[in-house]
Amino acid sequence: MKYTKDQIELMEAKIIKLLEENGEMRFGKIAKLLIHSGMAESSFIVSIILQNGCKEHKNFKGNDLFTSPKTGMWRLSEGRELTK
């Protein structure tokens, strides 16, 4: 399925909100939540969004949003984290 830019931005915002609430999450859990909410049809698009927002990944698209999971856990980049 092709996603529009608006749909991708909504999914990105949802991922940011999830990570703000939980601190860090595994990729599978993030994908499962987006799929069950009806935003995504597969985990592939979720992985693309995470990779495009990670400056350490080869597919980085210029918005430093997420930190690469060396332990399998994704989290927001230090500049993106909000204090609670």
PDB file of N, CA and C in Angstrom:
ATOM      1  N   MET A   1       0.837  -1.180   0.000  1.00  0.00           N
ATOM      2  CA  MET A   1       0.000   0.000   0.000  1.00  0.00           C
ATOM      3  C   MET A   1       0.882   1.245   0.000  1.00  0.00           C
ATOM      4  N   LYS A   2       0.495   2.222  -0.769  1.00  0.00           N
ATOM      5  CA  LYS A   2       1.175   3.514  -0.780  1.00  0.00           C
ATOM      6  C   LYS A   2       0.576   4.391   0.305  1.00  0.00           C
ATOM      7  N   TYR A   3       1.436   5.066   1.040  1.00  0.00           N
ATOM      8  CA  TYR A   3       0.992   5.980   2.077  1.00  0.00           C
ATOM      9  C   TYR A   3       1.251   7.407   1.627  1.00  0.00           C
ATOM     10  N   THR A   4       0.335   8.297   1.966  1.00  0.00           N
ATOM     11  CA  THR A   4       0.538   9.707   1.643  1.00  0.00           C
ATOM     12  C   THR A   4       1.503  10.315   2.664  1.00  0.00           C
ATOM     13  N   LYS A   5       2.022  11.471   2.326  1.00  0.00           N
ATOM     14  CA  LYS A   5       2.925  12.168   3.244  1.00  0.00           C
ATOM     15  C   LYS A   5       2.215  12.476   4.564  1.00  0.00           C
ATOM     16  N   ASP A   6       0.927  12.841   4.487  1.00  0.00           N
ATOM     17  CA  ASP A   6       0.154  13.128   5.700  1.00  0.00           C
ATOM     18  C   ASP A   6       0.009  11.889   6.577  1.00  0.00           C
ATOM     19  N   GLN A   7      -0.234  10.732   5.962  1.00  0.00           N
ATOM     20  CA  GLN A   7      -0.362   9.496   6.734  1.00  0.00           C
ATOM     21  C   GLN A   7       0.950   9.143   7.418  1.00  0.00           C
ATOM     22  N   ILE A   8       2.055   9.315   6.715  1.00  0.00           N
ATOM     23  CA  ILE A   8       3.363   9.030   7.300  1.00  0.00           C
ATOM     24  C   ILE A   8       3.654   9.985   8.451  1.00  0.00           C
ATOM     25  N   GLU A   9       3.303  11.258   8.288  1.00  0.00           N
ATOM     26  CA  GLU A   9       3.509  12.232   9.364  1.00  0.00           C
ATOM     27  C   GLU A   9       2.651  11.899  10.583  1.00  0.00           C
ATOM     28  N   LEU A  10       1.429  11.410  10.362  1.00  0.00           N
ATOM     29  CA  LEU A  10       0.574  10.996  11.486  1.00  0.00           C
ATOM     30  C   LEU A  10       1.179   9.808  12.221  1.00  0.00           C
ATOM     31  N   MET A  11       1.704   8.844  11.468  1.00  0.00           N
ATOM     32  CA  MET A  11       2.339   7.682  12.101  1.00  0.00           C
ATOM     33  C   MET A  11       3.582   8.113  12.871  1.00  0.00           C
ATOM     34  N   GLU A  12       4.360   9.014  12.298  1.00  0.00           N
ATOM     35  CA  GLU A  12       5.553   9.528  12.964  1.00  0.00           C
ATOM     36  C   GLU A  12       5.176  10.229  14.275  1.00  0.00           C
ATOM     37  N   ALA A  13       4.132  11.031  14.240  1.00  0.00           N
ATOM     38  CA  ALA A  13       3.661  11.724  15.444  1.00  0.00           C
ATOM     39  C   ALA A  13       3.185  10.727  16.501  1.00  0.00           C
ATOM     40  N   LYS A  14       2.517   9.667  16.064  1.00  0.00           N
ATOM     41  CA  LYS A  14       2.044   8.632  16.990  1.00  0.00           C
ATOM     42  C   LYS A  14       3.235   7.920  17.639  1.00  0.00           C
ATOM     43  N   ILE A  15       4.267   7.622  16.851  1.00  0.00           N
ATOM     44  CA  ILE A  15       5.463   6.973  17.397  1.00  0.00           C
ATOM     45  C   ILE A  15       6.130   7.892  18.411  1.00  0.00           C
ATOM     46  N   ILE A  16       6.244   9.171  18.091  1.00  0.00           N
ATOM     47  CA  ILE A  16       6.844  10.136  19.021  1.00  0.00           C
ATOM     48  C   ILE A  16       6.047  10.178  20.323  1.00  0.00           C
ATOM     49  N   LYS A  17       4.722  10.207  20.219  1.00  0.00           N
ATOM     50  CA  LYS A  17       3.872  10.236  21.412  1.00  0.00           C
ATOM     51  C   LYS A  17       4.071   8.970  22.249  1.00  0.00           C
ATOM     52  N   LEU A  18       4.118   7.812  21.599  1.00  0.00           N
ATOM     53  CA  LEU A  18       4.338   6.555  22.319  1.00  0.00           C
ATOM     54  C   LEU A  18       5.670   6.558  23.053  1.00  0.00           C
ATOM     55  N   LEU A  19       6.713   7.053  22.384  1.00  0.00           N
ATOM     56  CA  LEU A  19       8.033   7.078  23.009  1.00  0.00           C
ATOM     57  C   LEU A  19       8.133   8.128  24.106  1.00  0.00           C
ATOM     58  N   GLU A  20       7.404   9.224  23.975  1.00  0.00           N
ATOM     59  CA  GLU A  20       7.372  10.221  25.054  1.00  0.00           C
ATOM     60  C   GLU A  20       6.720   9.617  26.295  1.00  0.00           C
ATOM     61  N   GLU A  21       5.661   8.831  26.094  1.00  0.00           N
ATOM     62  CA  GLU A  21       4.941   8.240  27.220  1.00  0.00           C
ATOM     63  C   GLU A  21       5.715   7.101  27.865  1.00  0.00           C
ATOM     64  N   ASN A  22       6.411   6.292  27.047  1.00  0.00           N
ATOM     65  CA  ASN A  22       7.038   5.071  27.556  1.00  0.00           C
ATOM     66  C   ASN A  22       8.548   5.132  27.680  1.00  0.00           C
ATOM     67  N   GLY A  23       9.175   6.153  27.160  1.00  0.00           N
ATOM     68  CA  GLY A  23      10.627   6.273  27.234  1.00  0.00           C
ATOM     69  C   GLY A  23      11.334   5.501  26.143  1.00  0.00           C
ATOM     70  N   GLU A  24      11.125   4.200  26.103  1.00  0.00           N
ATOM     71  CA  GLU A  24      11.701   3.373  25.053  1.00  0.00           C
ATOM     72  C   GLU A  24      10.817   2.160  24.829  1.00  0.00           C
ATOM     73  N   MET A  25      10.835   1.664  23.603  1.00  0.00           N
ATOM     74  CA  MET A  25       9.987   0.524  23.238  1.00  0.00           C
ATOM     75  C   MET A  25      10.683  -0.311  22.168  1.00  0.00           C
ATOM     76  N   ARG A  26      10.341  -1.561  22.141  1.00  0.00           N
ATOM     77  CA  ARG A  26      10.826  -2.443  21.078  1.00  0.00           C
ATOM     78  C   ARG A  26      10.065  -2.148  19.793  1.00  0.00           C
ATOM     79  N   PHE A  27      10.745  -2.383  18.669  1.00  0.00           N
ATOM     80  CA  PHE A  27      10.150  -2.146  17.358  1.00  0.00           C
ATOM     81  C   PHE A  27       8.830  -2.909  17.195  1.00  0.00           C
ATOM     82  N   GLY A  28       8.803  -4.159  17.584  1.00  0.00           N
ATOM     83  CA  GLY A  28       7.600  -4.983  17.421  1.00  0.00           C
ATOM     84  C   GLY A  28       6.399  -4.416  18.151  1.00  0.00           C
ATOM     85  N   LYS A  29       6.613  -3.890  19.328  1.00  0.00           N
ATOM     86  CA  LYS A  29       5.524  -3.298  20.111  1.00  0.00           C
ATOM     87  C   LYS A  29       5.004  -2.028  19.441  1.00  0.00           C
ATOM     88  N   ILE A  30       5.919  -1.196  18.937  1.00  0.00           N
ATOM     89  CA  ILE A  30       5.512   0.029  18.233  1.00  0.00           C
ATOM     90  C   ILE A  30       4.693  -0.342  17.013  1.00  0.00           C
ATOM     91  N   ALA A  31       5.197  -1.290  16.226  1.00  0.00           N
ATOM     92  CA  ALA A  31       4.495  -1.712  15.011  1.00  0.00           C
ATOM     93  C   ALA A  31       3.127  -2.292  15.345  1.00  0.00           C
ATOM     94  N   LYS A  32       3.065  -3.120  16.364  1.00  0.00           N
ATOM     95  CA  LYS A  32       1.796  -3.741  16.762  1.00  0.00           C
ATOM     96  C   LYS A  32       0.761  -2.681  17.130  1.00  0.00           C
ATOM     97  N   LEU A  33       1.166  -1.670  17.869  1.00  0.00           N
ATOM     98  CA  LEU A  33       0.241  -0.617  18.276  1.00  0.00           C
ATOM     99  C   LEU A  33      -0.270   0.184  17.081  1.00  0.00           C
ATOM    100  N   LEU A  34       0.603   0.483  16.122  1.00  0.00           N
ATOM    101  CA  LEU A  34       0.166   1.221  14.934  1.00  0.00           C
ATOM    102  C   LEU A  34      -0.734   0.375  14.040  1.00  0.00           C
ATOM    103  N   ILE A  35      -0.429  -0.904  13.925  1.00  0.00           N
ATOM    104  CA  ILE A  35      -1.258  -1.794  13.102  1.00  0.00           C
ATOM    105  C   ILE A  35      -2.635  -1.958  13.724  1.00  0.00           C
ATOM    106  N   HIS A  36      -2.694  -2.182  15.030  1.00  0.00           N
ATOM    107  CA  HIS A  36      -3.983  -2.371  15.708  1.00  0.00           C
ATOM    108  C   HIS A  36      -4.807  -1.088  15.766  1.00  0.00           C
ATOM    109  N   SER A  37      -4.140   0.068  15.682  1.00  0.00           N
ATOM    110  CA  SER A  37      -4.895   1.320  15.671  1.00  0.00           C
ATOM    111  C   SER A  37      -5.393   1.658  14.262  1.00  0.00           C
ATOM    112  N   GLY A  38      -4.989   0.853  13.275  1.00  0.00           N
ATOM    113  CA  GLY A  38      -5.444   1.059  11.905  1.00  0.00           C
ATOM    114  C   GLY A  38      -4.626   2.063  11.113  1.00  0.00           C
ATOM    115  N   MET A  39      -3.519   2.528  11.670  1.00  0.00           N
ATOM    116  CA  MET A  39      -2.686   3.513  10.983  1.00  0.00           C
ATOM    117  C   MET A  39      -1.775   2.870   9.944  1.00  0.00           C
ATOM    118  N   ALA A  40      -1.330   1.651  10.213  1.00  0.00           N
ATOM    119  CA  ALA A  40      -0.405   0.960   9.316  1.00  0.00           C
ATOM    120  C   ALA A  40      -0.952  -0.424   8.996  1.00  0.00           C
ATOM    121  N   GLU A  41      -0.601  -0.911   7.806  1.00  0.00           N
ATOM    122  CA  GLU A  41      -1.047  -2.249   7.423  1.00  0.00           C
ATOM    123  C   GLU A  41       0.013  -3.308   7.692  1.00  0.00           C
ATOM    124  N   SER A  42       1.270  -2.886   7.840  1.00  0.00           N
ATOM    125  CA  SER A  42       2.335  -3.838   8.124  1.00  0.00           C
ATOM    126  C   SER A  42       3.438  -3.156   8.928  1.00  0.00           C
ATOM    127  N   SER A  43       4.316  -3.963   9.474  1.00  0.00           N
ATOM    128  CA  SER A  43       5.416  -3.419  10.267  1.00  0.00           C
ATOM    129  C   SER A  43       6.495  -2.799   9.373  1.00  0.00           C
ATOM    130  N   PHE A  44       6.467  -3.085   8.082  1.00  0.00           N
ATOM    131  CA  PHE A  44       7.476  -2.559   7.170  1.00  0.00           C
ATOM    132  C   PHE A  44       7.483  -1.030   7.162  1.00  0.00           C
ATOM    133  N   ILE A  45       6.320  -0.411   7.064  1.00  0.00           N
ATOM    134  CA  ILE A  45       6.255   1.057   7.033  1.00  0.00           C
ATOM    135  C   ILE A  45       6.745   1.644   8.356  1.00  0.00           C
ATOM    136  N   VAL A  46       6.487   0.965   9.455  1.00  0.00           N
ATOM    137  CA  VAL A  46       6.949   1.441  10.763  1.00  0.00           C
ATOM    138  C   VAL A  46       8.478   1.425  10.810  1.00  0.00           C
ATOM    139  N   SER A  47       9.077   0.359  10.294  1.00  0.00           N
ATOM    140  CA  SER A  47      10.546   0.295  10.285  1.00  0.00           C
ATOM    141  C   SER A  47      11.139   1.383   9.402  1.00  0.00           C
ATOM    142  N   ILE A  48      10.493   1.678   8.260  1.00  0.00           N
ATOM    143  CA  ILE A  48      10.968   2.741   7.373  1.00  0.00           C
ATOM    144  C   ILE A  48      10.921   4.095   8.082  1.00  0.00           C
ATOM    145  N   ILE A  49       9.829   4.372   8.787  1.00  0.00           N
ATOM    146  CA  ILE A  49       9.696   5.647   9.509  1.00  0.00           C
ATOM    147  C   ILE A  49      10.774   5.770  10.583  1.00  0.00           C
ATOM    148  N   LEU A  50      11.007   4.700  11.333  1.00  0.00           N
ATOM    149  CA  LEU A  50      12.033   4.739  12.376  1.00  0.00           C
ATOM    150  C   LEU A  50      13.421   4.926  11.772  1.00  0.00           C
ATOM    151  N   GLN A  51      13.719   4.215  10.700  1.00  0.00           N
ATOM    152  CA  GLN A  51      15.037   4.319  10.069  1.00  0.00           C
ATOM    153  C   GLN A  51      15.261   5.703   9.460  1.00  0.00           C
ATOM    154  N   ASN A  52      14.234   6.274   8.854  1.00  0.00           N
ATOM    155  CA  ASN A  52      14.361   7.597   8.235  1.00  0.00           C
ATOM    156  C   ASN A  52      14.588   8.687   9.273  1.00  0.00           C
ATOM    157  N   GLY A  53      14.212   8.456  10.515  1.00  0.00           N
ATOM    158  CA  GLY A  53      14.384   9.444  11.572  1.00  0.00           C
ATOM    159  C   GLY A  53      15.553   9.159  12.483  1.00  0.00           C
ATOM    160  N   CYS A  54      16.436   8.252  12.071  1.00  0.00           N
ATOM    161  CA  CYS A  54      17.580   7.871  12.902  1.00  0.00           C
ATOM    162  C   CYS A  54      18.869   8.257  12.190  1.00  0.00           C
ATOM    163  N   LYS A  55      19.605   9.222  12.730  1.00  0.00           N
ATOM    164  CA  LYS A  55      20.805   9.730  12.053  1.00  0.00           C
ATOM    165  C   LYS A  55      21.893   8.676  11.919  1.00  0.00           C
ATOM    166  N   GLU A  56      21.835   7.606  12.710  1.00  0.00           N
ATOM    167  CA  GLU A  56      22.847   6.553  12.640  1.00  0.00           C
ATOM    168  C   GLU A  56      22.533   5.528  11.553  1.00  0.00           C
ATOM    169  N   HIS A  57      21.377   5.637  10.929  1.00  0.00           N
ATOM    170  CA  HIS A  57      20.966   4.658   9.922  1.00  0.00           C
ATOM    171  C   HIS A  57      21.285   5.165   8.521  1.00  0.00           C
ATOM    172  N   LYS A  58      21.596   4.259   7.614  1.00  0.00           N
ATOM    173  CA  LYS A  58      21.969   4.652   6.246  1.00  0.00           C
ATOM    174  C   LYS A  58      20.827   5.310   5.477  1.00  0.00           C
ATOM    175  N   ASN A  59      19.561   5.096   5.885  1.00  0.00           N
ATOM    176  CA  ASN A  59      18.403   5.685   5.208  1.00  0.00           C
ATOM    177  C   ASN A  59      17.936   6.982   5.853  1.00  0.00           C
ATOM    178  N   PHE A  60      18.768   7.602   6.676  1.00  0.00           N
ATOM    179  CA  PHE A  60      18.416   8.836   7.388  1.00  0.00           C
ATOM    180  C   PHE A  60      17.977   9.917   6.408  1.00  0.00           C
ATOM    181  N   LYS A  61      16.834  10.577   6.708  1.00  0.00           N
ATOM    182  CA  LYS A  61      16.261  11.581   5.815  1.00  0.00           C
ATOM    183  C   LYS A  61      16.373  13.014   6.333  1.00  0.00           C
ATOM    184  N   GLY A  62      17.145  13.266   7.384  1.00  0.00           N
ATOM    185  CA  GLY A  62      17.392  14.635   7.802  1.00  0.00           C
ATOM    186  C   GLY A  62      16.693  15.097   9.065  1.00  0.00           C
ATOM    187  N   ASN A  63      15.715  14.371   9.576  1.00  0.00           N
ATOM    188  CA  ASN A  63      15.054  14.735  10.838  1.00  0.00           C
ATOM    189  C   ASN A  63      15.516  13.774  11.919  1.00  0.00           C
ATOM    190  N   ASP A  64      16.362  14.242  12.823  1.00  0.00           N
ATOM    191  CA  ASP A  64      16.900  13.399  13.890  1.00  0.00           C
ATOM    192  C   ASP A  64      15.844  13.231  14.979  1.00  0.00           C
ATOM    193  N   LEU A  65      15.085  12.142  14.896  1.00  0.00           N
ATOM    194  CA  LEU A  65      13.983  11.910  15.832  1.00  0.00           C
ATOM    195  C   LEU A  65      14.224  10.742  16.777  1.00  0.00           C
ATOM    196  N   PHE A  66      14.834   9.681  16.267  1.00  0.00           N
ATOM    197  CA  PHE A  66      14.936   8.438  17.026  1.00  0.00           C
ATOM    198  C   PHE A  66      16.383   7.983  17.170  1.00  0.00           C
ATOM    199  N   THR A  67      16.645   7.237  18.251  1.00  0.00           N
ATOM    200  CA  THR A  67      17.962   6.678  18.495  1.00  0.00           C
ATOM    201  C   THR A  67      17.951   5.211  18.096  1.00  0.00           C
ATOM    202  N   SER A  68      18.993   4.809  17.382  1.00  0.00           N
ATOM    203  CA  SER A  68      19.116   3.443  16.893  1.00  0.00           C
ATOM    204  C   SER A  68      19.187   2.456  18.053  1.00  0.00           C
ATOM    205  N   PRO A  69      18.515   1.339  17.898  1.00  0.00           N
ATOM    206  CA  PRO A  69      18.426   0.386  19.008  1.00  0.00           C
ATOM    207  C   PRO A  69      19.605  -0.582  19.075  1.00  0.00           C
ATOM    208  N   LYS A  70      20.614  -0.252  19.823  1.00  0.00           N
ATOM    209  CA  LYS A  70      21.717  -1.200  19.997  1.00  0.00           C
ATOM    210  C   LYS A  70      21.277  -2.359  20.880  1.00  0.00           C
ATOM    211  N   THR A  71      20.295  -2.124  21.723  1.00  0.00           N
ATOM    212  CA  THR A  71      19.765  -3.183  22.590  1.00  0.00           C
ATOM    213  C   THR A  71      18.387  -3.631  22.139  1.00  0.00           C
ATOM    214  N   GLY A  72      17.953  -3.180  20.974  1.00  0.00           N
ATOM    215  CA  GLY A  72      16.633  -3.547  20.470  1.00  0.00           C
ATOM    216  C   GLY A  72      15.534  -2.603  20.906  1.00  0.00           C
ATOM    217  N   MET A  73      15.881  -1.566  21.644  1.00  0.00           N
ATOM    218  CA  MET A  73      14.895  -0.619  22.149  1.00  0.00           C
ATOM    219  C   MET A  73      15.046   0.711  21.413  1.00  0.00           C
ATOM    220  N   TRP A  74      13.945   1.217  20.867  1.00  0.00           N
ATOM    221  CA  TRP A  74      13.945   2.527  20.213  1.00  0.00           C
ATOM    222  C   TRP A  74      13.570   3.589  21.236  1.00  0.00           C
ATOM    223  N   ARG A  75      14.177   4.755  21.122  1.00  0.00           N
ATOM    224  CA  ARG A  75      13.834   5.886  21.987  1.00  0.00           C
ATOM    225  C   ARG A  75      14.010   7.174  21.199  1.00  0.00           C
ATOM    226  N   LEU A  76      13.504   8.248  21.750  1.00  0.00           N
ATOM    227  CA  LEU A  76      13.636   9.546  21.093  1.00  0.00           C
ATOM    228  C   LEU A  76      15.080  10.027  21.193  1.00  0.00           C
ATOM    229  N   SER A  77      15.524  10.759  20.190  1.00  0.00           N
ATOM    230  CA  SER A  77      16.846  11.371  20.238  1.00  0.00           C
ATOM    231  C   SER A  77      16.880  12.368  21.386  1.00  0.00           C
ATOM    232  N   GLU A  78      18.040  12.621  21.903  1.00  0.00           N
ATOM    233  CA  GLU A  78      18.173  13.485  23.084  1.00  0.00           C
ATOM    234  C   GLU A  78      17.561  14.861  22.880  1.00  0.00           C
ATOM    235  N   GLY A  79      17.663  15.431  21.719  1.00  0.00           N
ATOM    236  CA  GLY A  79      17.081  16.747  21.440  1.00  0.00           C
ATOM    237  C   GLY A  79      15.573  16.730  21.393  1.00  0.00           C
ATOM    238  N   ARG A  80      14.973  15.555  21.210  1.00  0.00           N
ATOM    239  CA  ARG A  80      13.524  15.422  21.075  1.00  0.00           C
ATOM    240  C   ARG A  80      12.834  15.109  22.394  1.00  0.00           C
ATOM    241  N   GLU A  81      13.562  14.612  23.378  1.00  0.00           N
ATOM    242  CA  GLU A  81      12.925  14.190  24.618  1.00  0.00           C
ATOM    243  C   GLU A  81      12.322  15.371  25.360  1.00  0.00           C
ATOM    244  N   LEU A  82      11.132  15.167  25.891  1.00  0.00           N
ATOM    245  CA  LEU A  82      10.469  16.186  26.677  1.00  0.00           C
ATOM    246  C   LEU A  82      10.607  15.835  28.152  1.00  0.00           C
ATOM    247  N   THR A  83      10.806  16.846  28.974  1.00  0.00           N
ATOM    248  CA  THR A  83      10.867  16.606  30.415  1.00  0.00           C
ATOM    249  C   THR A  83       9.447  16.526  30.945  1.00  0.00           C
ATOM    250  N   LYS A  84       9.236  15.633  31.858  1.00  0.00           N
ATOM    251  CA  LYS A  84       7.894  15.439  32.416  1.00  0.00           C
ATOM    252  C   LYS A  84       7.754  16.147  33.733  1.00  0.00           C
TER     253      LYS A  84
END
